[in-house]
């Protein structure tokens, strides 16, 4: 997925709204499987949250699992293209949530377990890509989607 001019413009605007606890990733070596990352993509959805599953340094690509509106939970290779941010703390409506997270291999396993299922229904307000990655990392479920994550 290439980010064209509108995506770059939106990504620069989105930087202004990034949580100050999100850490910008400057090089691909700073990522590892199980990381929750945020990247910018296109105008209508400027911030995507995803779980890193693999890293290909030679091709400068990152394999991620993410929850999309149209395709559900997918796993795909994306070019490592700044800006990318690593989520360093889980936050829920401005309040700190437990810093207890699953081990990286379990995070990847949880993310991949939802690929191809029809259980999740995307909602920008109550069950989106951020909620999905939060569930993968910590088990927290969005209030409007508890049954979907069982």
N, C-alpha and C. Protein backbone atom coordinates (compact mmCIF):
# COMPACT_ATOMS: atom_id res chain seq x y z
N UNK A 1 0.85 -1.15 0.00
CA UNK A 1 0.00 0.00 0.00
C UNK A 1 0.90 1.23 0.00
N UNK A 2 0.89 2.00 -1.05
CA UNK A 2 1.68 3.20 -1.13
C UNK A 2 0.90 4.39 -0.61
N UNK A 3 1.58 5.24 0.09
CA UNK A 3 0.95 6.45 0.57
C UNK A 3 1.34 7.58 -0.37
N UNK A 4 0.35 8.13 -1.03
CA UNK A 4 0.60 9.21 -1.96
C UNK A 4 0.58 10.55 -1.26
N UNK A 5 0.53 11.60 -2.06
CA UNK A 5 0.58 12.96 -1.53
C UNK A 5 -0.48 13.23 -0.46
N UNK A 6 -1.77 12.87 -0.69
CA UNK A 6 -2.75 13.13 0.37
C UNK A 6 -2.39 12.42 1.68
N UNK A 7 -1.86 11.21 1.58
CA UNK A 7 -1.48 10.48 2.78
C UNK A 7 -0.34 11.15 3.52
N UNK A 8 0.64 11.67 2.79
CA UNK A 8 1.76 12.36 3.42
C UNK A 8 1.27 13.64 4.09
N UNK A 9 0.40 14.38 3.42
CA UNK A 9 -0.16 15.60 3.99
C UNK A 9 -0.90 15.29 5.28
N UNK A 10 -1.76 14.28 5.23
CA UNK A 10 -2.54 13.90 6.40
C UNK A 10 -1.63 13.42 7.52
N UNK A 11 -0.57 12.68 7.16
CA UNK A 11 0.32 12.17 8.20
C UNK A 11 1.00 13.31 8.94
N UNK A 12 1.35 14.37 8.23
CA UNK A 12 1.97 15.51 8.89
C UNK A 12 0.98 16.21 9.83
N UNK A 13 -0.27 16.30 9.42
CA UNK A 13 -1.30 16.88 10.29
C UNK A 13 -1.54 15.95 11.48
N UNK A 14 -1.60 14.64 11.23
CA UNK A 14 -1.87 13.67 12.30
C UNK A 14 -0.80 13.71 13.38
N UNK A 15 0.43 14.06 13.03
CA UNK A 15 1.50 14.15 14.03
C UNK A 15 1.12 15.09 15.16
N UNK A 16 0.37 16.13 14.82
CA UNK A 16 -0.03 17.10 15.83
C UNK A 16 -0.92 16.49 16.90
N UNK A 17 -1.62 15.39 16.55
CA UNK A 17 -2.59 14.79 17.45
C UNK A 17 -2.12 13.47 18.04
N UNK A 18 -0.89 13.06 17.77
CA UNK A 18 -0.40 11.80 18.31
C UNK A 18 -0.28 11.91 19.82
N UNK A 19 -0.59 10.85 20.49
CA UNK A 19 -0.42 10.78 21.93
C UNK A 19 1.07 10.94 22.21
N UNK A 20 1.40 11.80 23.16
CA UNK A 20 2.82 12.03 23.42
C UNK A 20 3.52 10.82 24.01
N UNK A 21 2.76 9.77 24.30
CA UNK A 21 3.37 8.53 24.78
C UNK A 21 3.68 7.59 23.61
N UNK A 22 3.27 7.95 22.40
CA UNK A 22 3.63 7.17 21.23
C UNK A 22 5.02 7.61 20.80
N UNK A 23 5.89 6.65 20.53
CA UNK A 23 7.28 6.96 20.21
C UNK A 23 7.50 6.79 18.72
N UNK A 24 8.04 7.82 18.07
CA UNK A 24 8.31 7.71 16.64
C UNK A 24 9.41 6.69 16.40
N UNK A 25 9.18 5.83 15.41
CA UNK A 25 10.15 4.80 15.04
C UNK A 25 10.99 5.37 13.90
N UNK A 26 12.28 5.52 14.14
CA UNK A 26 13.15 6.14 13.16
C UNK A 26 13.77 5.14 12.20
N UNK A 27 13.93 3.89 12.66
CA UNK A 27 14.50 2.88 11.77
C UNK A 27 13.83 1.54 12.02
N UNK A 28 13.83 0.71 11.00
CA UNK A 28 13.11 -0.56 11.05
C UNK A 28 13.64 -1.47 12.17
N UNK A 29 14.91 -1.32 12.51
CA UNK A 29 15.51 -2.14 13.57
C UNK A 29 14.88 -1.87 14.95
N UNK A 30 14.18 -0.77 15.08
CA UNK A 30 13.53 -0.44 16.35
C UNK A 30 12.21 -1.17 16.56
N UNK A 31 11.77 -1.92 15.56
CA UNK A 31 10.51 -2.67 15.67
C UNK A 31 10.79 -4.14 15.93
N UNK A 32 9.82 -4.79 16.59
CA UNK A 32 9.92 -6.23 16.80
C UNK A 32 8.51 -6.82 16.77
N UNK A 33 8.40 -8.11 16.46
CA UNK A 33 7.08 -8.74 16.47
C UNK A 33 6.39 -8.54 17.82
N UNK A 34 5.10 -8.27 17.74
CA UNK A 34 4.31 -8.02 18.94
C UNK A 34 4.13 -6.56 19.26
N UNK A 35 4.90 -5.69 18.60
CA UNK A 35 4.74 -4.25 18.82
C UNK A 35 3.41 -3.77 18.26
N UNK A 36 2.82 -2.81 18.95
CA UNK A 36 1.64 -2.12 18.43
C UNK A 36 2.14 -0.84 17.80
N UNK A 37 1.85 -0.66 16.51
CA UNK A 37 2.32 0.53 15.82
C UNK A 37 1.13 1.33 15.29
N UNK A 38 1.42 2.60 15.04
CA UNK A 38 0.44 3.50 14.45
C UNK A 38 1.11 4.11 13.22
N UNK A 39 0.42 4.04 12.10
CA UNK A 39 0.94 4.67 10.90
C UNK A 39 -0.18 5.42 10.21
N UNK A 40 0.19 6.28 9.31
CA UNK A 40 -0.80 7.08 8.59
C UNK A 40 -0.95 6.52 7.19
N UNK A 41 -2.15 6.66 6.66
CA UNK A 41 -2.38 6.04 5.37
C UNK A 41 -3.12 6.94 4.40
N UNK A 42 -4.34 7.29 4.72
CA UNK A 42 -5.11 8.07 3.76
C UNK A 42 -6.02 9.04 4.48
N UNK A 43 -6.58 9.95 3.71
CA UNK A 43 -7.31 11.09 4.24
C UNK A 43 -8.48 10.70 5.13
N UNK A 44 -9.28 9.72 4.75
CA UNK A 44 -10.47 9.38 5.51
C UNK A 44 -10.18 8.63 6.81
N UNK A 45 -9.03 8.02 6.90
CA UNK A 45 -8.65 7.30 8.12
C UNK A 45 -7.16 7.54 8.34
N UNK A 46 -6.82 8.67 8.95
CA UNK A 46 -5.41 9.07 9.02
C UNK A 46 -4.53 8.26 9.96
N UNK A 47 -5.10 7.53 10.91
CA UNK A 47 -4.29 6.76 11.86
C UNK A 47 -4.73 5.31 11.87
N UNK A 48 -3.82 4.42 11.50
CA UNK A 48 -4.07 2.98 11.55
C UNK A 48 -3.25 2.38 12.67
N UNK A 49 -3.87 1.54 13.47
CA UNK A 49 -3.15 0.77 14.49
C UNK A 49 -2.99 -0.65 13.96
N UNK A 50 -1.84 -1.25 14.21
CA UNK A 50 -1.58 -2.61 13.73
C UNK A 50 -0.61 -3.31 14.69
N UNK A 51 -0.57 -4.63 14.59
CA UNK A 51 0.38 -5.44 15.36
C UNK A 51 1.45 -5.95 14.40
N UNK A 52 2.70 -5.72 14.74
CA UNK A 52 3.83 -6.20 13.94
C UNK A 52 3.97 -7.71 14.13
N UNK A 53 4.04 -8.45 13.00
CA UNK A 53 4.22 -9.90 13.09
C UNK A 53 5.58 -10.35 12.55
N UNK A 54 6.14 -9.63 11.60
CA UNK A 54 7.45 -9.96 11.03
C UNK A 54 8.11 -8.69 10.54
N UNK A 55 9.44 -8.76 10.40
CA UNK A 55 10.20 -7.64 9.87
C UNK A 55 11.15 -8.17 8.81
N UNK A 56 11.16 -7.53 7.65
CA UNK A 56 12.07 -7.90 6.57
C UNK A 56 12.99 -6.70 6.34
N UNK A 57 14.13 -6.71 7.01
CA UNK A 57 15.06 -5.57 6.92
C UNK A 57 15.61 -5.42 5.51
N UNK A 58 15.85 -6.55 4.84
CA UNK A 58 16.43 -6.51 3.50
C UNK A 58 15.52 -5.76 2.52
N UNK A 59 14.21 -6.02 2.61
CA UNK A 59 13.25 -5.37 1.72
C UNK A 59 12.66 -4.10 2.34
N UNK A 60 13.06 -3.79 3.57
CA UNK A 60 12.55 -2.62 4.29
C UNK A 60 11.02 -2.65 4.40
N UNK A 61 10.51 -3.83 4.83
CA UNK A 61 9.07 -4.02 4.95
C UNK A 61 8.72 -4.58 6.34
N UNK A 62 7.50 -4.28 6.74
CA UNK A 62 6.98 -4.75 8.01
C UNK A 62 5.69 -5.50 7.73
N UNK A 63 5.57 -6.71 8.28
CA UNK A 63 4.33 -7.48 8.15
C UNK A 63 3.49 -7.19 9.38
N UNK A 64 2.23 -6.84 9.14
CA UNK A 64 1.34 -6.47 10.24
C UNK A 64 0.00 -7.17 10.12
N UNK A 65 -0.68 -7.30 11.25
CA UNK A 65 -2.08 -7.70 11.28
C UNK A 65 -2.84 -6.46 11.71
N UNK A 66 -3.87 -6.12 10.96
CA UNK A 66 -4.68 -4.95 11.30
C UNK A 66 -6.14 -5.20 11.00
N UNK A 67 -6.98 -4.43 11.62
CA UNK A 67 -8.43 -4.55 11.49
C UNK A 67 -8.91 -3.42 10.59
N UNK A 68 -9.49 -3.78 9.44
CA UNK A 68 -9.93 -2.79 8.47
C UNK A 68 -11.45 -2.78 8.34
N UNK A 69 -11.96 -1.67 7.90
CA UNK A 69 -13.41 -1.53 7.73
C UNK A 69 -13.93 -2.47 6.64
N UNK A 70 -13.27 -2.49 5.49
CA UNK A 70 -13.78 -3.25 4.35
C UNK A 70 -13.40 -4.73 4.37
N UNK A 71 -12.20 -5.06 4.83
CA UNK A 71 -11.71 -6.43 4.72
C UNK A 71 -11.62 -7.19 6.03
N UNK A 72 -11.98 -6.58 7.13
CA UNK A 72 -11.86 -7.25 8.43
C UNK A 72 -10.41 -7.31 8.87
N UNK A 73 -10.04 -8.38 9.54
CA UNK A 73 -8.67 -8.54 10.04
C UNK A 73 -7.82 -9.15 8.94
N UNK A 74 -6.76 -8.45 8.56
CA UNK A 74 -5.89 -8.89 7.47
C UNK A 74 -4.44 -8.86 7.94
N UNK A 75 -3.63 -9.69 7.29
CA UNK A 75 -2.18 -9.66 7.51
C UNK A 75 -1.54 -9.31 6.18
N UNK A 76 -0.65 -8.33 6.21
CA UNK A 76 -0.06 -7.85 4.96
C UNK A 76 1.31 -7.22 5.21
N UNK A 77 2.08 -7.18 4.12
CA UNK A 77 3.38 -6.51 4.15
C UNK A 77 3.18 -5.05 3.79
N UNK A 78 3.81 -4.16 4.54
CA UNK A 78 3.77 -2.73 4.26
C UNK A 78 5.20 -2.21 4.21
N UNK A 79 5.45 -1.23 3.34
CA UNK A 79 6.79 -0.65 3.34
C UNK A 79 7.04 0.12 4.64
N UNK A 80 8.25 0.04 5.14
CA UNK A 80 8.60 0.84 6.31
C UNK A 80 8.78 2.26 5.81
N UNK A 81 7.83 3.09 6.15
CA UNK A 81 7.79 4.45 5.63
C UNK A 81 7.40 5.36 6.78
N UNK A 82 8.27 6.27 7.13
CA UNK A 82 7.97 7.18 8.22
C UNK A 82 6.90 8.17 7.80
N UNK A 83 6.08 8.65 8.72
CA UNK A 83 6.15 8.41 10.15
C UNK A 83 5.42 7.14 10.57
N UNK A 84 6.04 6.40 11.45
CA UNK A 84 5.44 5.25 12.14
C UNK A 84 5.72 5.46 13.62
N UNK A 85 4.73 5.16 14.43
CA UNK A 85 4.87 5.33 15.87
C UNK A 85 4.65 4.00 16.57
N UNK A 86 5.39 3.78 17.64
CA UNK A 86 5.20 2.60 18.48
C UNK A 86 4.42 3.05 19.71
N UNK A 87 3.33 2.34 20.00
CA UNK A 87 2.54 2.66 21.18
C UNK A 87 3.30 2.13 22.39
N UNK A 88 3.61 3.02 23.32
CA UNK A 88 4.40 2.61 24.48
C UNK A 88 3.55 2.47 25.74
N UNK A 89 2.29 2.88 25.69
CA UNK A 89 1.38 2.63 26.81
C UNK A 89 -0.03 2.56 26.26
N UNK A 90 -0.85 1.71 26.87
CA UNK A 90 -2.25 1.64 26.49
C UNK A 90 -3.01 2.71 27.23
N UNK A 91 -3.88 3.38 26.52
CA UNK A 91 -4.62 4.48 27.09
C UNK A 91 -6.09 4.30 26.73
N UNK A 92 -6.97 4.55 27.65
CA UNK A 92 -8.40 4.42 27.39
C UNK A 92 -9.09 5.69 27.84
N UNK A 93 -9.58 6.45 26.88
CA UNK A 93 -10.26 7.72 27.17
C UNK A 93 -9.44 8.61 28.10
N UNK A 94 -8.15 8.66 27.85
CA UNK A 94 -7.30 9.55 28.61
C UNK A 94 -6.80 9.02 29.94
N UNK A 95 -7.24 7.84 30.36
CA UNK A 95 -6.79 7.27 31.63
C UNK A 95 -5.87 6.09 31.37
N UNK A 96 -4.86 5.99 32.19
CA UNK A 96 -3.95 4.85 32.07
C UNK A 96 -4.70 3.56 32.38
N UNK A 97 -4.44 2.59 31.60
CA UNK A 97 -4.98 1.26 31.82
C UNK A 97 -3.81 0.40 32.26
N UNK A 98 -4.06 -0.78 32.63
CA UNK A 98 -3.01 -1.68 33.08
C UNK A 98 -1.87 -1.75 32.08
N UNK A 99 -0.66 -1.73 32.59
CA UNK A 99 0.50 -1.91 31.72
C UNK A 99 0.81 -3.38 31.52
N UNK A 100 -0.02 -4.25 32.10
CA UNK A 100 0.16 -5.68 31.91
C UNK A 100 -0.21 -6.04 30.49
N UNK A 101 0.75 -6.54 29.76
CA UNK A 101 0.49 -6.94 28.38
C UNK A 101 1.00 -8.37 28.18
N UNK A 102 0.47 -9.00 27.15
CA UNK A 102 0.91 -10.35 26.82
C UNK A 102 2.34 -10.32 26.27
N UNK A 103 3.00 -11.46 26.33
CA UNK A 103 4.32 -11.60 25.72
C UNK A 103 4.19 -11.41 24.21
N UNK A 104 5.24 -10.93 23.54
CA UNK A 104 5.15 -10.66 22.10
C UNK A 104 4.63 -11.82 21.26
N UNK A 105 5.08 -13.05 21.53
CA UNK A 105 4.60 -14.17 20.72
C UNK A 105 3.11 -14.41 20.93
N UNK A 106 2.61 -14.17 22.12
CA UNK A 106 1.17 -14.31 22.40
C UNK A 106 0.38 -13.19 21.73
N UNK A 107 0.94 -11.98 21.68
CA UNK A 107 0.28 -10.86 21.00
C UNK A 107 0.09 -11.19 19.52
N UNK A 108 1.15 -11.70 18.89
CA UNK A 108 1.08 -12.09 17.48
C UNK A 108 0.06 -13.21 17.29
N UNK A 109 0.07 -14.19 18.16
CA UNK A 109 -0.88 -15.31 18.08
C UNK A 109 -2.32 -14.81 18.19
N UNK A 110 -2.57 -13.89 19.13
CA UNK A 110 -3.92 -13.35 19.31
C UNK A 110 -4.36 -12.57 18.07
N UNK A 111 -3.46 -11.78 17.51
CA UNK A 111 -3.80 -11.00 16.32
C UNK A 111 -4.13 -11.93 15.15
N UNK A 112 -3.29 -12.91 14.93
CA UNK A 112 -3.51 -13.84 13.81
C UNK A 112 -4.76 -14.70 14.02
N UNK A 113 -5.15 -14.92 15.26
CA UNK A 113 -6.33 -15.77 15.53
C UNK A 113 -7.62 -15.14 15.02
N UNK A 114 -7.62 -13.86 14.79
CA UNK A 114 -8.84 -13.18 14.32
C UNK A 114 -8.89 -13.01 12.80
N UNK A 115 -7.80 -13.40 12.11
CA UNK A 115 -7.81 -13.28 10.64
C UNK A 115 -8.90 -14.15 10.05
N UNK A 116 -9.61 -13.60 9.09
CA UNK A 116 -10.59 -14.38 8.35
C UNK A 116 -11.88 -14.69 9.10
N UNK A 117 -12.01 -14.20 10.32
CA UNK A 117 -13.26 -14.45 11.05
C UNK A 117 -14.27 -13.37 10.71
N UNK A 118 -15.51 -13.71 10.84
CA UNK A 118 -16.58 -12.73 10.61
C UNK A 118 -17.15 -12.23 11.93
N UNK A 119 -16.45 -12.50 13.02
CA UNK A 119 -16.98 -12.13 14.34
C UNK A 119 -16.91 -10.64 14.61
N UNK A 120 -15.90 -9.97 14.08
CA UNK A 120 -15.72 -8.55 14.40
C UNK A 120 -16.47 -7.66 13.43
N UNK A 121 -17.10 -6.64 13.97
CA UNK A 121 -17.77 -5.63 13.16
C UNK A 121 -17.10 -4.29 13.44
N UNK A 122 -16.56 -3.70 12.40
CA UNK A 122 -15.81 -2.45 12.55
C UNK A 122 -16.76 -1.29 12.82
N UNK A 123 -16.40 -0.48 13.77
CA UNK A 123 -17.14 0.75 14.07
C UNK A 123 -16.13 1.81 14.47
N UNK A 124 -16.18 2.95 13.82
CA UNK A 124 -15.25 4.02 14.13
C UNK A 124 -15.40 4.54 15.55
N UNK A 125 -16.56 4.31 16.16
CA UNK A 125 -16.83 4.85 17.49
C UNK A 125 -16.63 3.84 18.61
N UNK A 126 -16.83 2.56 18.34
CA UNK A 126 -16.79 1.63 19.47
C UNK A 126 -15.98 0.36 19.23
N UNK A 127 -15.49 0.14 18.03
CA UNK A 127 -14.71 -1.08 17.77
C UNK A 127 -13.89 -0.86 16.50
N UNK A 128 -12.73 -0.27 16.67
CA UNK A 128 -11.91 0.03 15.50
C UNK A 128 -10.53 -0.62 15.63
N UNK A 129 -9.61 -0.21 14.78
CA UNK A 129 -8.28 -0.82 14.75
C UNK A 129 -7.53 -0.62 16.07
N UNK A 130 -7.74 0.50 16.73
CA UNK A 130 -7.09 0.74 18.02
C UNK A 130 -7.62 -0.23 19.08
N UNK A 131 -8.94 -0.44 19.08
CA UNK A 131 -9.53 -1.40 20.02
C UNK A 131 -9.01 -2.80 19.76
N UNK A 132 -8.87 -3.17 18.48
CA UNK A 132 -8.37 -4.49 18.12
C UNK A 132 -6.94 -4.70 18.64
N UNK A 133 -6.07 -3.72 18.41
CA UNK A 133 -4.68 -3.87 18.86
C UNK A 133 -4.59 -3.87 20.38
N UNK A 134 -5.43 -3.09 21.02
CA UNK A 134 -5.46 -3.08 22.49
C UNK A 134 -5.85 -4.47 23.01
N UNK A 135 -6.83 -5.10 22.36
CA UNK A 135 -7.24 -6.45 22.75
C UNK A 135 -6.09 -7.44 22.54
N UNK A 136 -5.40 -7.32 21.41
CA UNK A 136 -4.27 -8.22 21.13
C UNK A 136 -3.18 -8.09 22.19
N UNK A 137 -2.88 -6.87 22.61
CA UNK A 137 -1.80 -6.61 23.56
C UNK A 137 -2.17 -6.94 25.00
N UNK A 138 -3.41 -6.59 25.40
CA UNK A 138 -3.72 -6.64 26.83
C UNK A 138 -5.00 -7.40 27.19
N UNK A 139 -5.79 -7.76 26.18
CA UNK A 139 -7.04 -8.45 26.47
C UNK A 139 -8.20 -7.52 26.73
N UNK A 140 -7.95 -6.20 26.76
CA UNK A 140 -9.04 -5.25 26.98
C UNK A 140 -9.99 -5.29 25.79
N UNK A 141 -11.27 -5.34 26.06
CA UNK A 141 -12.28 -5.41 25.01
C UNK A 141 -13.06 -4.11 24.96
N UNK A 142 -13.35 -3.61 23.75
CA UNK A 142 -14.18 -2.41 23.66
C UNK A 142 -15.57 -2.70 24.20
N UNK A 143 -16.15 -1.74 24.89
CA UNK A 143 -17.43 -1.96 25.57
C UNK A 143 -18.54 -2.37 24.62
N UNK A 144 -18.53 -1.88 23.40
CA UNK A 144 -19.60 -2.22 22.46
C UNK A 144 -19.38 -3.52 21.72
N UNK A 145 -18.30 -4.22 22.01
CA UNK A 145 -17.97 -5.40 21.21
C UNK A 145 -17.50 -6.58 22.05
N UNK A 146 -17.91 -6.65 23.29
CA UNK A 146 -17.45 -7.71 24.19
C UNK A 146 -17.67 -9.09 23.59
N UNK A 147 -18.86 -9.34 23.08
CA UNK A 147 -19.19 -10.67 22.56
C UNK A 147 -18.36 -11.04 21.34
N UNK A 148 -17.97 -10.05 20.56
CA UNK A 148 -17.22 -10.32 19.33
C UNK A 148 -15.83 -10.89 19.62
N UNK A 149 -15.27 -10.57 20.77
CA UNK A 149 -13.90 -10.97 21.08
C UNK A 149 -13.81 -12.26 21.88
N UNK A 150 -14.91 -12.97 22.06
CA UNK A 150 -14.88 -14.22 22.83
C UNK A 150 -14.42 -15.37 21.97
